[in-house]
Amino acid sequence: MQAAVPRNGYLRAEEPEDHVVRLRTYNLHITYDKYYSVPKFWLIGRDESGQPLQTKQVRQTFATILPCCANEPSLSHP
């Protein structure tokens, strides 16, 4: 850990980037497709500031278990 140069009388400690834990949250929506008679699972992720994750960021987290990714049309997210 390194101490940064004091600003405004405060001493700020900085951790190396590999020690910072990034928190992502996910909401799971389940719909049913009557045409194909299968359930569909819609995963919406948000970063630590509450901003929606891009599809590629969700894929990074769940790369080994997600068969494919598509945007769910009725949910309002990018």
C-alpha atoms as a PDB file:
ATOM      1  CA  MET A   1       0.000   0.000   0.000  1.00  0.00           C
ATOM      2  CA  GLN A   2       1.261   3.473  -0.870  1.00  0.00           C
ATOM      3  CA  ALA A   3       0.444   6.756   0.777  1.00  0.00           C
ATOM      4  CA  ALA A   4      -0.414   9.517  -1.655  1.00  0.00           C
ATOM      5  CA  VAL A   5       0.705  13.127  -1.318  1.00  0.00           C
ATOM      6  CA  PRO A   6      -1.550  14.871   1.225  1.00  0.00           C
ATOM      7  CA  ARG A   7      -4.278  17.076  -0.272  1.00  0.00           C
ATOM      8  CA  ASN A   8      -6.201  19.572   1.822  1.00  0.00           C
ATOM      9  CA  GLY A   9      -4.701  18.144   4.985  1.00  0.00           C
ATOM     10  CA  TYR A  10      -5.877  14.566   4.305  1.00  0.00           C
ATOM     11  CA  LEU A  11      -3.591  11.615   3.769  1.00  0.00           C
ATOM     12  CA  ARG A  12      -5.008   9.156   1.261  1.00  0.00           C
ATOM     13  CA  ALA A  13      -3.878   5.526   1.021  1.00  0.00           C
ATOM     14  CA  GLU A  14      -4.022   3.845  -2.373  1.00  0.00           C
ATOM     15  CA  GLU A  15      -4.304   0.120  -3.001  1.00  0.00           C
ATOM     16  CA  PRO A  16      -2.854  -1.466  -6.119  1.00  0.00           C
ATOM     17  CA  GLU A  17      -5.551  -2.072  -8.745  1.00  0.00           C
ATOM     18  CA  ASP A  18      -5.402  -5.850  -8.269  1.00  0.00           C
ATOM     19  CA  HIS A  19      -6.505  -5.459  -4.618  1.00  0.00           C
ATOM     20  CA  VAL A  20      -9.717  -3.611  -5.465  1.00  0.00           C
ATOM     21  CA  VAL A  21     -12.834  -5.797  -5.480  1.00  0.00           C
ATOM     22  CA  ARG A  22     -15.310  -4.833  -8.186  1.00  0.00           C
ATOM     23  CA  LEU A  23     -18.907  -5.641  -7.334  1.00  0.00           C
ATOM     24  CA  ARG A  24     -21.478  -6.446 -10.007  1.00  0.00           C
ATOM     25  CA  THR A  25     -25.113  -7.251  -9.323  1.00  0.00           C
ATOM     26  CA  TYR A  26     -27.466  -9.182 -11.560  1.00  0.00           C
ATOM     27  CA  ASN A  27     -31.234  -9.467 -11.941  1.00  0.00           C
ATOM     28  CA  LEU A  28     -32.669 -12.606 -13.473  1.00  0.00           C
ATOM     29  CA  HIS A  29     -35.952 -12.398 -15.420  1.00  0.00           C
ATOM     30  CA  ILE A  30     -37.611 -15.604 -16.591  1.00  0.00           C
ATOM     31  CA  THR A  31     -40.103 -15.608 -19.445  1.00  0.00           C
ATOM     32  CA  TYR A  32     -41.746 -18.443 -21.298  1.00  0.00           C
ATOM     33  CA  ASP A  33     -41.766 -18.706 -25.092  1.00  0.00           C
ATOM     34  CA  LYS A  34     -45.026 -20.384 -26.075  1.00  0.00           C
ATOM     35  CA  TYR A  35     -43.972 -20.762 -29.703  1.00  0.00           C
ATOM     36  CA  TYR A  36     -40.898 -22.864 -28.873  1.00  0.00           C
ATOM     37  CA  SER A  37     -42.291 -24.076 -25.515  1.00  0.00           C
ATOM     38  CA  VAL A  38     -39.119 -23.181 -23.632  1.00  0.00           C
ATOM     39  CA  PRO A  39     -38.246 -20.860 -20.771  1.00  0.00           C
ATOM     40  CA  LYS A  40     -35.956 -17.918 -21.493  1.00  0.00           C
ATOM     41  CA  PHE A  41     -33.655 -16.426 -18.900  1.00  0.00           C
ATOM     42  CA  TRP A  42     -32.772 -12.729 -19.141  1.00  0.00           C
ATOM     43  CA  LEU A  43     -29.792 -11.630 -17.084  1.00  0.00           C
ATOM     44  CA  ILE A  44     -29.363  -7.903 -16.458  1.00  0.00           C
ATOM     45  CA  GLY A  45     -26.117  -6.818 -14.830  1.00  0.00           C
ATOM     46  CA  ARG A  46     -25.148  -3.574 -13.145  1.00  0.00           C
ATOM     47  CA  ASP A  47     -21.737  -2.347 -12.085  1.00  0.00           C
ATOM     48  CA  GLU A  48     -20.842  -0.938  -8.663  1.00  0.00           C
ATOM     49  CA  SER A  49     -22.233   2.496  -9.570  1.00  0.00           C
ATOM     50  CA  GLY A  50     -25.574   1.049 -10.757  1.00  0.00           C
ATOM     51  CA  GLN A  51     -24.928   1.468 -14.477  1.00  0.00           C
ATOM     52  CA  PRO A  52     -26.129  -1.339 -16.787  1.00  0.00           C
ATOM     53  CA  LEU A  53     -23.418  -3.684 -18.038  1.00  0.00           C
ATOM     54  CA  GLN A  54     -22.826  -4.232 -21.717  1.00  0.00           C
ATOM     55  CA  THR A  55     -23.532  -7.711 -23.100  1.00  0.00           C
ATOM     56  CA  LYS A  56     -19.804  -8.467 -23.415  1.00  0.00           C
ATOM     57  CA  GLN A  57     -19.265  -7.649 -19.720  1.00  0.00           C
ATOM     58  CA  VAL A  58     -22.002 -10.109 -18.726  1.00  0.00           C
ATOM     59  CA  ARG A  59     -20.422 -12.718 -21.006  1.00  0.00           C
ATOM     60  CA  GLN A  60     -17.063 -12.235 -19.258  1.00  0.00           C
ATOM     61  CA  THR A  61     -18.627 -13.141 -15.929  1.00  0.00           C
ATOM     62  CA  PHE A  62     -20.717 -16.085 -17.149  1.00  0.00           C
ATOM     63  CA  ALA A  63     -18.686 -17.238 -20.168  1.00  0.00           C
ATOM     64  CA  THR A  64     -18.659 -20.890 -19.165  1.00  0.00           C
ATOM     65  CA  ILE A  65     -22.397 -21.254 -18.502  1.00  0.00           C
ATOM     66  CA  LEU A  66     -24.201 -18.901 -20.930  1.00  0.00           C
ATOM     67  CA  PRO A  67     -25.067 -20.617 -24.213  1.00  0.00           C
ATOM     68  CA  CYS A  68     -25.912 -17.346 -25.971  1.00  0.00           C
ATOM     69  CA  CYS A  69     -26.798 -13.764 -25.248  1.00  0.00           C
ATOM     70  CA  ALA A  70     -29.514 -11.544 -26.692  1.00  0.00           C
ATOM     71  CA  ASN A  71     -31.253  -8.380 -25.575  1.00  0.00           C
ATOM     72  CA  GLU A  72     -34.700  -8.876 -24.083  1.00  0.00           C
ATOM     73  CA  PRO A  73     -36.972  -6.506 -26.015  1.00  0.00           C
ATOM     74  CA  SER A  74     -39.425  -5.557 -23.262  1.00  0.00           C
ATOM     75  CA  LEU A  75     -36.805  -4.521 -20.686  1.00  0.00           C
ATOM     76  CA  SER A  76     -35.397  -1.011 -20.905  1.00  0.00           C
ATOM     77  CA  HIS A  77     -31.632  -1.360 -20.903  1.00  0.00           C
ATOM     78  CA  PRO A  78     -28.913  -0.931 -23.548  1.00  0.00           C
END
